[in-house]
Each structure stands twice: as structure tokens, then as C-alpha cells.
């Protein structure tokens, strides 16, 4: 059974349509896009090459193997390897609740009917997704920083 990942791509809004077109060209539909704004510390922003500009966050679910192809393409075609152009990363999915959910999340990607869950994998990193009411972003980011998070995208 293939390993599935959630791929997150954060780019300046002007690049988002190019990223989505590239993913679809590779046979992977984008699951969700959201507007964002960078909130990382200046030191981290400098290191990652991410400025205080408006961002677009692109999410998609794909196999680990396909994510490697996408990451290589994003590095070479979209130049995400150059500071200031954005960042892309994958998060292993520990489980997906059933074949119907898996089929929905992977859209046109081939999925075997028997695949209902995804094996759990260990990772050195964690991602936290929080939904808050408008006006509470600073409190959410303060809580994240107090837990030693180096930054985030809202």
C-alpha cells in the first residue's frame, strides 16, 4: 500500500495559479487553497526567504512517491529553491477514514479499493492547524510561540 502525505505549498499569491496548474499537469488535483499572511520572526523569514507579503496556501493529498516528483518540479520549475519564492513540505498522514474519503482526497489519482487506512509513520516535525475567529490571530500565534514554534502562516 502506498504511503500518503499532505503536501503544503506556501507561495506569494501571484504564484498560486502557476502552482495549481503545475500540480494538475502532474495528475494531482489541489484539495484546498487558502489565503494567508506570514507571521514568522524576522530571523526565520530571512532564513526561509519569506517576506511579509500576502500568501496563498495550497494543500493536496498524494502518495509519497508522487510528492517527490512534485517537489522536484516545484524546485526546478517554480524555483522554490530560491529564497523568497516560497516553501513546500509534506506531512505523513497517519490514517484516512475509509476508502471513500481516500478516493475523495486523492481525486483522480489511482487508488485501490482495499486501501482504507494509511500506515503510521514517525516524523521529527509536527504541523498544527488552528481555526480561530477573526481578531484572535495574535493570541493563537502567541500560544504557538510560547510552545517554541518558530512561526506560522495565518
C-alpha atoms as a PDB file:
ATOM      1  CA  UNK A   1       0.000   0.000   0.000  1.00  0.00           C
ATOM      2  CA  UNK A   2       1.425   3.422  -0.879  1.00  0.00           C
ATOM      3  CA  UNK A   3       2.174   5.967   1.842  1.00  0.00           C
ATOM      4  CA  UNK A   4       0.073   9.119   1.652  1.00  0.00           C
ATOM      5  CA  UNK A   5       1.115  12.653   2.559  1.00  0.00           C
ATOM      6  CA  UNK A   6      -0.484  16.046   2.917  1.00  0.00           C
ATOM      7  CA  UNK A   7       1.559  18.428   0.792  1.00  0.00           C
ATOM      8  CA  UNK A   8       1.534  22.075   1.802  1.00  0.00           C
ATOM      9  CA  UNK A   9       2.833  24.729  -0.562  1.00  0.00           C
ATOM     10  CA  UNK A  10       3.081  28.361   0.579  1.00  0.00           C
ATOM     11  CA  UNK A  11       3.816  30.940  -2.103  1.00  0.00           C
ATOM     12  CA  UNK A  12       3.148  34.578  -2.875  1.00  0.00           C
ATOM     13  CA  UNK A  13      -0.384  34.937  -4.202  1.00  0.00           C
ATOM     14  CA  UNK A  14       0.868  35.804  -7.684  1.00  0.00           C
ATOM     15  CA  UNK A  15       2.420  32.312  -7.961  1.00  0.00           C
ATOM     16  CA  UNK A  16      -0.583  30.301  -6.744  1.00  0.00           C
ATOM     17  CA  UNK A  17      -2.203  29.779 -10.159  1.00  0.00           C
ATOM     18  CA  UNK A  18       1.106  28.532 -11.579  1.00  0.00           C
ATOM     19  CA  UNK A  19       1.487  26.072  -8.694  1.00  0.00           C
ATOM     20  CA  UNK A  20      -2.046  24.765  -9.118  1.00  0.00           C
ATOM     21  CA  UNK A  21      -1.616  24.390 -12.896  1.00  0.00           C
ATOM     22  CA  UNK A  22       1.667  22.507 -12.392  1.00  0.00           C
ATOM     23  CA  UNK A  23       0.082  20.104  -9.880  1.00  0.00           C
ATOM     24  CA  UNK A  24      -2.872  19.396 -12.165  1.00  0.00           C
ATOM     25  CA  UNK A  25      -0.466  18.904 -15.082  1.00  0.00           C
ATOM     26  CA  UNK A  26       1.182  16.177 -12.968  1.00  0.00           C
ATOM     27  CA  UNK A  27      -2.206  14.489 -12.423  1.00  0.00           C
ATOM     28  CA  UNK A  28      -2.724  15.738  -8.853  1.00  0.00           C
ATOM     29  CA  UNK A  29      -5.732  17.921  -8.074  1.00  0.00           C
ATOM     30  CA  UNK A  30      -5.403  20.594  -5.420  1.00  0.00           C
ATOM     31  CA  UNK A  31      -7.638  19.792  -2.444  1.00  0.00           C
ATOM     32  CA  UNK A  32      -7.802  23.270  -0.913  1.00  0.00           C
ATOM     33  CA  UNK A  33      -6.303  26.721  -1.308  1.00  0.00           C
ATOM     34  CA  UNK A  34      -6.456  29.402   1.351  1.00  0.00           C
ATOM     35  CA  UNK A  35      -5.313  32.972   1.724  1.00  0.00           C
ATOM     36  CA  UNK A  36      -2.520  33.527   4.216  1.00  0.00           C
ATOM     37  CA  UNK A  37      -0.173  36.052   5.751  1.00  0.00           C
ATOM     38  CA  UNK A  38       3.296  35.247   7.063  1.00  0.00           C
ATOM     39  CA  UNK A  39       3.884  35.678  10.819  1.00  0.00           C
ATOM     40  CA  UNK A  40       7.323  34.162  11.362  1.00  0.00           C
ATOM     41  CA  UNK A  41      10.093  36.011  13.179  1.00  0.00           C
ATOM     42  CA  UNK A  42      12.436  38.188  11.108  1.00  0.00           C
ATOM     43  CA  UNK A  43      15.323  35.736  11.583  1.00  0.00           C
ATOM     44  CA  UNK A  44      13.233  32.833  10.325  1.00  0.00           C
ATOM     45  CA  UNK A  45      11.769  34.913   7.486  1.00  0.00           C
ATOM     46  CA  UNK A  46      15.278  35.815   6.408  1.00  0.00           C
ATOM     47  CA  UNK A  47      16.420  32.176   6.539  1.00  0.00           C
ATOM     48  CA  UNK A  48      13.441  30.883   4.532  1.00  0.00           C
ATOM     49  CA  UNK A  49      13.296  33.876   2.222  1.00  0.00           C
ATOM     50  CA  UNK A  50       9.692  34.601   3.090  1.00  0.00           C
ATOM     51  CA  UNK A  51       8.704  38.244   3.429  1.00  0.00           C
ATOM     52  CA  UNK A  52       5.712  39.945   4.996  1.00  0.00           C
ATOM     53  CA  UNK A  53       3.649  39.629   1.818  1.00  0.00           C
ATOM     54  CA  UNK A  54       0.256  38.075   1.250  1.00  0.00           C
ATOM     55  CA  UNK A  55       0.496  34.322   0.773  1.00  0.00           C
ATOM     56  CA  UNK A  56      -1.531  31.561  -0.804  1.00  0.00           C
ATOM     57  CA  UNK A  57      -1.514  28.176   0.928  1.00  0.00           C
ATOM     58  CA  UNK A  58      -2.089  25.190  -1.351  1.00  0.00           C
ATOM     59  CA  UNK A  59      -2.976  21.790   0.135  1.00  0.00           C
ATOM     60  CA  UNK A  60      -3.178  18.460  -1.651  1.00  0.00           C
ATOM     61  CA  UNK A  61      -3.137  14.786  -0.725  1.00  0.00           C
ATOM     62  CA  UNK A  62      -0.955  12.451  -2.745  1.00  0.00           C
ATOM     63  CA  UNK A  63       1.331   9.465  -2.446  1.00  0.00           C
ATOM     64  CA  UNK A  64       4.857   9.824  -1.061  1.00  0.00           C
ATOM     65  CA  UNK A  65       6.272   8.843  -4.465  1.00  0.00           C
ATOM     66  CA  UNK A  66       4.209  11.426  -6.351  1.00  0.00           C
ATOM     67  CA  UNK A  67       5.101  14.098  -3.772  1.00  0.00           C
ATOM     68  CA  UNK A  68       8.799  13.631  -4.617  1.00  0.00           C
ATOM     69  CA  UNK A  69       8.023  14.302  -8.289  1.00  0.00           C
ATOM     70  CA  UNK A  70       6.007  17.379  -7.347  1.00  0.00           C
ATOM     71  CA  UNK A  71       8.698  18.718  -5.004  1.00  0.00           C
ATOM     72  CA  UNK A  72      11.381  18.327  -7.686  1.00  0.00           C
ATOM     73  CA  UNK A  73       9.170  20.100 -10.213  1.00  0.00           C
ATOM     74  CA  UNK A  74       8.387  22.915  -7.798  1.00  0.00           C
ATOM     75  CA  UNK A  75      12.082  23.370  -7.043  1.00  0.00           C
ATOM     76  CA  UNK A  76      13.100  23.448 -10.699  1.00  0.00           C
ATOM     77  CA  UNK A  77      10.035  24.907 -12.443  1.00  0.00           C
ATOM     78  CA  UNK A  78       8.749  27.305  -9.776  1.00  0.00           C
ATOM     79  CA  UNK A  79      12.210  27.943  -8.315  1.00  0.00           C
ATOM     80  CA  UNK A  80      11.122  27.288  -4.728  1.00  0.00           C
ATOM     81  CA  UNK A  81      14.770  26.532  -4.017  1.00  0.00           C
ATOM     82  CA  UNK A  82      15.496  30.275  -4.279  1.00  0.00           C
ATOM     83  CA  UNK A  83      14.854  32.313  -1.104  1.00  0.00           C
ATOM     84  CA  UNK A  84      11.749  34.468  -1.375  1.00  0.00           C
ATOM     85  CA  UNK A  85       9.851  32.199  -3.754  1.00  0.00           C
ATOM     86  CA  UNK A  86       8.020  30.126  -1.133  1.00  0.00           C
ATOM     87  CA  UNK A  87       8.209  26.796   0.642  1.00  0.00           C
ATOM     88  CA  UNK A  88       6.778  23.313   0.098  1.00  0.00           C
ATOM     89  CA  UNK A  89       6.721  20.396   2.516  1.00  0.00           C
ATOM     90  CA  UNK A  90       4.917  17.135   3.156  1.00  0.00           C
ATOM     91  CA  UNK A  91       3.335  15.746   6.299  1.00  0.00           C
ATOM     92  CA  UNK A  92       2.831  11.972   6.529  1.00  0.00           C
ATOM     93  CA  UNK A  93      -0.810  11.032   7.030  1.00  0.00           C
ATOM     94  CA  UNK A  94      -1.313   8.503   9.804  1.00  0.00           C
ATOM     95  CA  UNK A  95      -4.765   7.496   8.631  1.00  0.00           C
ATOM     96  CA  UNK A  96      -7.565   8.392   6.294  1.00  0.00           C
ATOM     97  CA  UNK A  97     -11.012   7.315   7.420  1.00  0.00           C
ATOM     98  CA  UNK A  98     -12.084   4.843   4.781  1.00  0.00           C
ATOM     99  CA  UNK A  99     -11.932   4.166   1.055  1.00  0.00           C
ATOM    100  CA  UNK A 100     -14.480   6.855   0.143  1.00  0.00           C
ATOM    101  CA  UNK A 101     -12.516   9.541   1.993  1.00  0.00           C
ATOM    102  CA  UNK A 102      -9.274   8.342   0.439  1.00  0.00           C
ATOM    103  CA  UNK A 103     -10.804   8.451  -3.046  1.00  0.00           C
ATOM    104  CA  UNK A 104     -12.137  11.958  -2.436  1.00  0.00           C
ATOM    105  CA  UNK A 105      -8.852  13.326  -1.085  1.00  0.00           C
ATOM    106  CA  UNK A 106      -6.771  11.856  -3.880  1.00  0.00           C
ATOM    107  CA  UNK A 107      -9.298  12.816  -6.629  1.00  0.00           C
ATOM    108  CA  UNK A 108      -8.121  11.449  -9.968  1.00  0.00           C
ATOM    109  CA  UNK A 109      -5.069   9.626  -8.601  1.00  0.00           C
ATOM    110  CA  UNK A 110      -5.289   5.835  -8.832  1.00  0.00           C
ATOM    111  CA  UNK A 111      -6.422   4.258  -5.559  1.00  0.00           C
ATOM    112  CA  UNK A 112      -7.036   0.582  -4.875  1.00  0.00           C
ATOM    113  CA  UNK A 113     -10.436  -0.148  -3.362  1.00  0.00           C
ATOM    114  CA  UNK A 114      -8.902  -2.109  -0.498  1.00  0.00           C
ATOM    115  CA  UNK A 115      -6.890   0.895   0.735  1.00  0.00           C
ATOM    116  CA  UNK A 116      -8.762   2.208   3.728  1.00  0.00           C
ATOM    117  CA  UNK A 117      -6.091   3.411   6.085  1.00  0.00           C
ATOM    118  CA  UNK A 118      -2.569   4.701   5.846  1.00  0.00           C
ATOM    119  CA  UNK A 119       0.269   3.272   7.882  1.00  0.00           C
ATOM    120  CA  UNK A 120       1.520   5.448  10.723  1.00  0.00           C
ATOM    121  CA  UNK A 121       4.939   6.977  10.245  1.00  0.00           C
ATOM    122  CA  UNK A 122       7.230   8.728  12.695  1.00  0.00           C
ATOM    123  CA  UNK A 123       8.346  12.283  11.962  1.00  0.00           C
ATOM    124  CA  UNK A 124      10.616  14.826  13.612  1.00  0.00           C
ATOM    125  CA  UNK A 125       8.197  17.624  12.742  1.00  0.00           C
ATOM    126  CA  UNK A 126       4.621  18.466  13.539  1.00  0.00           C
ATOM    127  CA  UNK A 127       2.107  20.765  11.944  1.00  0.00           C
ATOM    128  CA  UNK A 128      -0.728  22.336  13.883  1.00  0.00           C
ATOM    129  CA  UNK A 129      -3.751  23.684  12.049  1.00  0.00           C
ATOM    130  CA  UNK A 130      -5.894  26.025  14.135  1.00  0.00           C
ATOM    131  CA  UNK A 131      -9.128  27.735  13.199  1.00  0.00           C
ATOM    132  CA  UNK A 132      -9.939  30.904  15.105  1.00  0.00           C
ATOM    133  CA  UNK A 133     -12.372  33.763  14.978  1.00  0.00           C
ATOM    134  CA  UNK A 134     -11.270  36.924  13.242  1.00  0.00           C
ATOM    135  CA  UNK A 135      -9.240  39.121  15.567  1.00  0.00           C
ATOM    136  CA  UNK A 136      -7.685  36.284  17.599  1.00  0.00           C
ATOM    137  CA  UNK A 137      -4.702  35.555  15.364  1.00  0.00           C
ATOM    138  CA  UNK A 138      -2.219  37.260  17.685  1.00  0.00           C
ATOM    139  CA  UNK A 139      -3.368  35.134  20.620  1.00  0.00           C
ATOM    140  CA  UNK A 140      -3.052  31.949  18.572  1.00  0.00           C
ATOM    141  CA  UNK A 141       0.459  32.879  17.397  1.00  0.00           C
ATOM    142  CA  UNK A 142       1.488  33.923  20.941  1.00  0.00           C
ATOM    143  CA  UNK A 143       0.391  30.497  22.180  1.00  0.00           C
ATOM    144  CA  UNK A 144       2.312  28.792  19.384  1.00  0.00           C
ATOM    145  CA  UNK A 145       5.461  30.794  20.116  1.00  0.00           C
ATOM    146  CA  UNK A 146       5.188  30.067  23.842  1.00  0.00           C
ATOM    147  CA  UNK A 147       5.272  26.371  22.868  1.00  0.00           C
ATOM    148  CA  UNK A 148       8.511  27.077  20.927  1.00  0.00           C
ATOM    149  CA  UNK A 149       7.032  27.264  17.425  1.00  0.00           C
ATOM    150  CA  UNK A 150       9.273  29.433  15.293  1.00  0.00           C
ATOM    151  CA  UNK A 151       6.447  30.884  13.202  1.00  0.00           C
ATOM    152  CA  UNK A 152       3.455  30.135  11.122  1.00  0.00           C
ATOM    153  CA  UNK A 153       1.151  31.213   8.353  1.00  0.00           C
ATOM    154  CA  UNK A 154      -2.264  32.576   9.177  1.00  0.00           C
END
